[in-house]
Every structure is written in C-alpha cells, then in structure tokens.
Amino acid sequence: MSHKETASGAGAAARLALDADLTIYHAETQKQALIDALAGSNRLELDLSAVGDIDTAGLQLLILIKREARAQGKEIVISGHSTAVRQTIDFCNLAAAFGDPMVIPA
C-alpha cells in the first residue's frame, strides 16, 4: 500500500493506493491501514486500480471505511476500480451503495 498526502497540514486530503488483493488473507492489515489513513485526513481517495482480486471480506472493508467516514463527517472517494473490483461490486449490486463513479474502459 502506498499512502500519499496531496495537501499540507493536519486533516489534509490524502491518497491511498491499495496494491494487494482485497481478500480475507489481507483483511486485518488493510483494515488498520484504511482506518489510519482516514484518521489522518478529511478527504481520502482510495485507488483500487492495482487490486487483482476481491472477496466478501474486501467488500466488507470498503463498506466499513465508507461508513466510518460518514460517521466522522469525512469523505472517501473510491477511484481506479480494477476489473475485479468493478465485477464484484456489480455482481453484488452495490454500486449505488458506494456512490463512486466507476469508469468502464472501452
């Protein structure tokens, strides 16, 4: 995972790129990284373009971090949905629940 501040100061916007699969095998470390990234910013962009696989544990993490952001009055934007992420979100009919635009390549 790579974490990059995109503005200066406390509570600035941040970008977190997940480069591991969003699966049960990585869920615990990813959960802590997502919570830590959210704690350090008011707006977090979560880039999922390098996620090769996602399962229900990964979906639960995304739902958790979206819910936590709303509860704290913060914003999380999911971007760069990989093919696996798009297919899983579509299969589970959760696109509207996340509310993030998904760009589908031609």
C-alpha atoms as a PDB file:
ATOM      1  CA  MET A   1       0.000   0.000   0.000  1.00  0.00           C
ATOM      2  CA  SER A   2       1.190   3.439  -0.740  1.00  0.00           C
ATOM      3  CA  HIS A   3      -0.069   6.483   1.091  1.00  0.00           C
ATOM      4  CA  LYS A   4       0.484   9.976  -0.237  1.00  0.00           C
ATOM      5  CA  GLU A   5      -0.569  13.325   1.203  1.00  0.00           C
ATOM      6  CA  THR A   6      -1.945  15.542  -1.536  1.00  0.00           C
ATOM      7  CA  ALA A   7      -2.126  18.744   0.507  1.00  0.00           C
ATOM      8  CA  SER A   8      -0.304  20.078   3.519  1.00  0.00           C
ATOM      9  CA  GLY A   9      -1.492  20.483   7.073  1.00  0.00           C
ATOM     10  CA  ALA A  10      -3.473  18.404   9.521  1.00  0.00           C
ATOM     11  CA  GLY A  11      -6.597  16.867   8.079  1.00  0.00           C
ATOM     12  CA  ALA A  12      -5.430  17.426   4.507  1.00  0.00           C
ATOM     13  CA  ALA A  13      -6.593  15.311   1.600  1.00  0.00           C
ATOM     14  CA  ALA A  14      -4.736  12.044   1.160  1.00  0.00           C
ATOM     15  CA  ARG A  15      -4.498   9.285  -1.417  1.00  0.00           C
ATOM     16  CA  LEU A  16      -4.095   5.606  -0.589  1.00  0.00           C
ATOM     17  CA  ALA A  17      -3.354   3.126  -3.357  1.00  0.00           C
ATOM     18  CA  LEU A  18      -4.031  -0.496  -2.485  1.00  0.00           C
ATOM     19  CA  ASP A  19      -1.640  -2.786  -4.313  1.00  0.00           C
ATOM     20  CA  ALA A  20      -2.675  -6.093  -2.727  1.00  0.00           C
ATOM     21  CA  ASP A  21      -5.777  -8.188  -3.180  1.00  0.00           C
ATOM     22  CA  LEU A  22      -8.778  -7.178  -1.070  1.00  0.00           C
ATOM     23  CA  THR A  23      -9.308 -10.657   0.349  1.00  0.00           C
ATOM     24  CA  ILE A  24      -9.628 -12.357   3.696  1.00  0.00           C
ATOM     25  CA  TYR A  25      -5.876 -13.043   3.603  1.00  0.00           C
ATOM     26  CA  HIS A  26      -5.045  -9.322   3.780  1.00  0.00           C
ATOM     27  CA  ALA A  27      -8.130  -8.009   5.578  1.00  0.00           C
ATOM     28  CA  GLU A  28      -6.640  -7.323   9.010  1.00  0.00           C
ATOM     29  CA  THR A  29      -3.633  -5.292   7.821  1.00  0.00           C
ATOM     30  CA  GLN A  30      -5.700  -3.472   5.200  1.00  0.00           C
ATOM     31  CA  LYS A  31      -8.359  -2.604   7.763  1.00  0.00           C
ATOM     32  CA  GLN A  32      -5.803  -0.929  10.007  1.00  0.00           C
ATOM     33  CA  ALA A  33      -4.181   0.906   7.087  1.00  0.00           C
ATOM     34  CA  LEU A  34      -7.571   2.217   5.933  1.00  0.00           C
ATOM     35  CA  ILE A  35      -8.546   3.372   9.428  1.00  0.00           C
ATOM     36  CA  ASP A  36      -5.157   5.055   9.918  1.00  0.00           C
ATOM     37  CA  ALA A  37      -5.397   6.823   6.545  1.00  0.00           C
ATOM     38  CA  LEU A  38      -8.898   8.047   7.351  1.00  0.00           C
ATOM     39  CA  ALA A  39      -7.794   9.301  10.772  1.00  0.00           C
ATOM     40  CA  GLY A  40      -5.132  11.475   9.168  1.00  0.00           C
ATOM     41  CA  SER A  41      -7.289  13.277   6.622  1.00  0.00           C
ATOM     42  CA  ASN A  42     -10.684  14.815   5.993  1.00  0.00           C
ATOM     43  CA  ARG A  43     -10.797  13.502   2.431  1.00  0.00           C
ATOM     44  CA  LEU A  44      -9.284  10.210   1.347  1.00  0.00           C
ATOM     45  CA  GLU A  45      -9.015   8.969  -2.215  1.00  0.00           C
ATOM     46  CA  LEU A  46      -8.778   5.190  -2.287  1.00  0.00           C
ATOM     47  CA  ASP A  47      -7.210   3.954  -5.535  1.00  0.00           C
ATOM     48  CA  LEU A  48      -8.140   0.340  -6.296  1.00  0.00           C
ATOM     49  CA  SER A  49      -6.617   0.110  -9.782  1.00  0.00           C
ATOM     50  CA  ALA A  50      -3.974  -2.450  -8.705  1.00  0.00           C
ATOM     51  CA  VAL A  51      -6.370  -4.761  -6.837  1.00  0.00           C
ATOM     52  CA  GLY A  52      -6.289  -8.093  -8.646  1.00  0.00           C
ATOM     53  CA  ASP A  53      -8.846  -9.940  -6.533  1.00  0.00           C
ATOM     54  CA  ILE A  54     -11.605  -9.037  -4.085  1.00  0.00           C
ATOM     55  CA  ASP A  55     -13.869 -11.224  -1.973  1.00  0.00           C
ATOM     56  CA  THR A  56     -16.632 -10.567   0.538  1.00  0.00           C
ATOM     57  CA  ALA A  57     -14.076  -9.633   3.202  1.00  0.00           C
ATOM     58  CA  GLY A  58     -12.752  -6.955   0.839  1.00  0.00           C
ATOM     59  CA  LEU A  59     -16.256  -5.683   0.178  1.00  0.00           C
ATOM     60  CA  GLN A  60     -16.863  -5.526   3.923  1.00  0.00           C
ATOM     61  CA  LEU A  61     -13.714  -3.421   4.339  1.00  0.00           C
ATOM     62  CA  LEU A  62     -14.884  -0.969   1.702  1.00  0.00           C
ATOM     63  CA  ILE A  63     -18.325  -0.745   3.295  1.00  0.00           C
ATOM     64  CA  LEU A  64     -16.744  -0.302   6.744  1.00  0.00           C
ATOM     65  CA  ILE A  65     -14.447   2.525   5.692  1.00  0.00           C
ATOM     66  CA  LYS A  66     -17.258   4.320   3.825  1.00  0.00           C
ATOM     67  CA  ARG A  67     -19.484   4.043   6.911  1.00  0.00           C
ATOM     68  CA  GLU A  68     -16.695   5.235   9.229  1.00  0.00           C
ATOM     69  CA  ALA A  69     -16.025   8.234   7.007  1.00  0.00           C
ATOM     70  CA  ARG A  70     -19.690   9.246   7.037  1.00  0.00           C
ATOM     71  CA  ALA A  71     -19.855   8.841  10.833  1.00  0.00           C
ATOM     72  CA  GLN A  72     -16.822  11.120  11.223  1.00  0.00           C
ATOM     73  CA  GLY A  73     -18.045  13.705   8.713  1.00  0.00           C
ATOM     74  CA  LYS A  74     -15.232  12.843   6.320  1.00  0.00           C
ATOM     75  CA  GLU A  75     -15.198  11.895   2.659  1.00  0.00           C
ATOM     76  CA  ILE A  76     -13.830   8.792   0.972  1.00  0.00           C
ATOM     77  CA  VAL A  77     -13.718   8.608  -2.792  1.00  0.00           C
ATOM     78  CA  ILE A  78     -13.003   5.246  -4.381  1.00  0.00           C
ATOM     79  CA  SER A  79     -11.291   5.566  -7.740  1.00  0.00           C
ATOM     80  CA  GLY A  80      -9.456   3.455 -10.278  1.00  0.00           C
ATOM     81  CA  HIS A  81     -11.714   0.431  -9.829  1.00  0.00           C
ATOM     82  CA  SER A  82      -9.866  -2.598 -11.199  1.00  0.00           C
ATOM     83  CA  THR A  83     -11.755  -5.094 -13.346  1.00  0.00           C
ATOM     84  CA  ALA A  84     -12.115  -7.476 -10.381  1.00  0.00           C
ATOM     85  CA  VAL A  85     -13.472  -4.701  -8.157  1.00  0.00           C
ATOM     86  CA  ARG A  86     -15.933  -3.499 -10.813  1.00  0.00           C
ATOM     87  CA  GLN A  87     -17.184  -7.011 -11.494  1.00  0.00           C
ATOM     88  CA  THR A  88     -17.632  -7.840  -7.808  1.00  0.00           C
ATOM     89  CA  ILE A  89     -19.387  -4.570  -6.966  1.00  0.00           C
ATOM     90  CA  ASP A  90     -21.637  -5.044  -9.998  1.00  0.00           C
ATOM     91  CA  PHE A  91     -22.353  -8.705  -9.182  1.00  0.00           C
ATOM     92  CA  CYS A  92     -23.355  -7.769  -5.623  1.00  0.00           C
ATOM     93  CA  ASN A  93     -25.385  -4.791  -6.904  1.00  0.00           C
ATOM     94  CA  LEU A  94     -23.513  -2.387  -4.593  1.00  0.00           C
ATOM     95  CA  ALA A  95     -22.538   0.400  -6.994  1.00  0.00           C
ATOM     96  CA  ALA A  96     -25.258   2.723  -5.684  1.00  0.00           C
ATOM     97  CA  ALA A  97     -24.332   1.938  -2.061  1.00  0.00           C
ATOM     98  CA  PHE A  98     -20.764   3.134  -2.640  1.00  0.00           C
ATOM     99  CA  GLY A  99     -21.820   6.117  -4.707  1.00  0.00           C
ATOM    100  CA  ASP A 100     -18.497   6.458  -6.514  1.00  0.00           C
ATOM    101  CA  PRO A 101     -18.407   6.745 -10.308  1.00  0.00           C
ATOM    102  CA  MET A 102     -16.911   3.662 -11.948  1.00  0.00           C
ATOM    103  CA  VAL A 103     -15.153   4.219 -15.253  1.00  0.00           C
ATOM    104  CA  ILE A 104     -15.568   1.234 -17.519  1.00  0.00           C
ATOM    105  CA  PRO A 105     -12.807   1.010 -20.114  1.00  0.00           C
ATOM    106  CA  ALA A 106     -13.781   0.591 -23.759  1.00  0.00           C
END
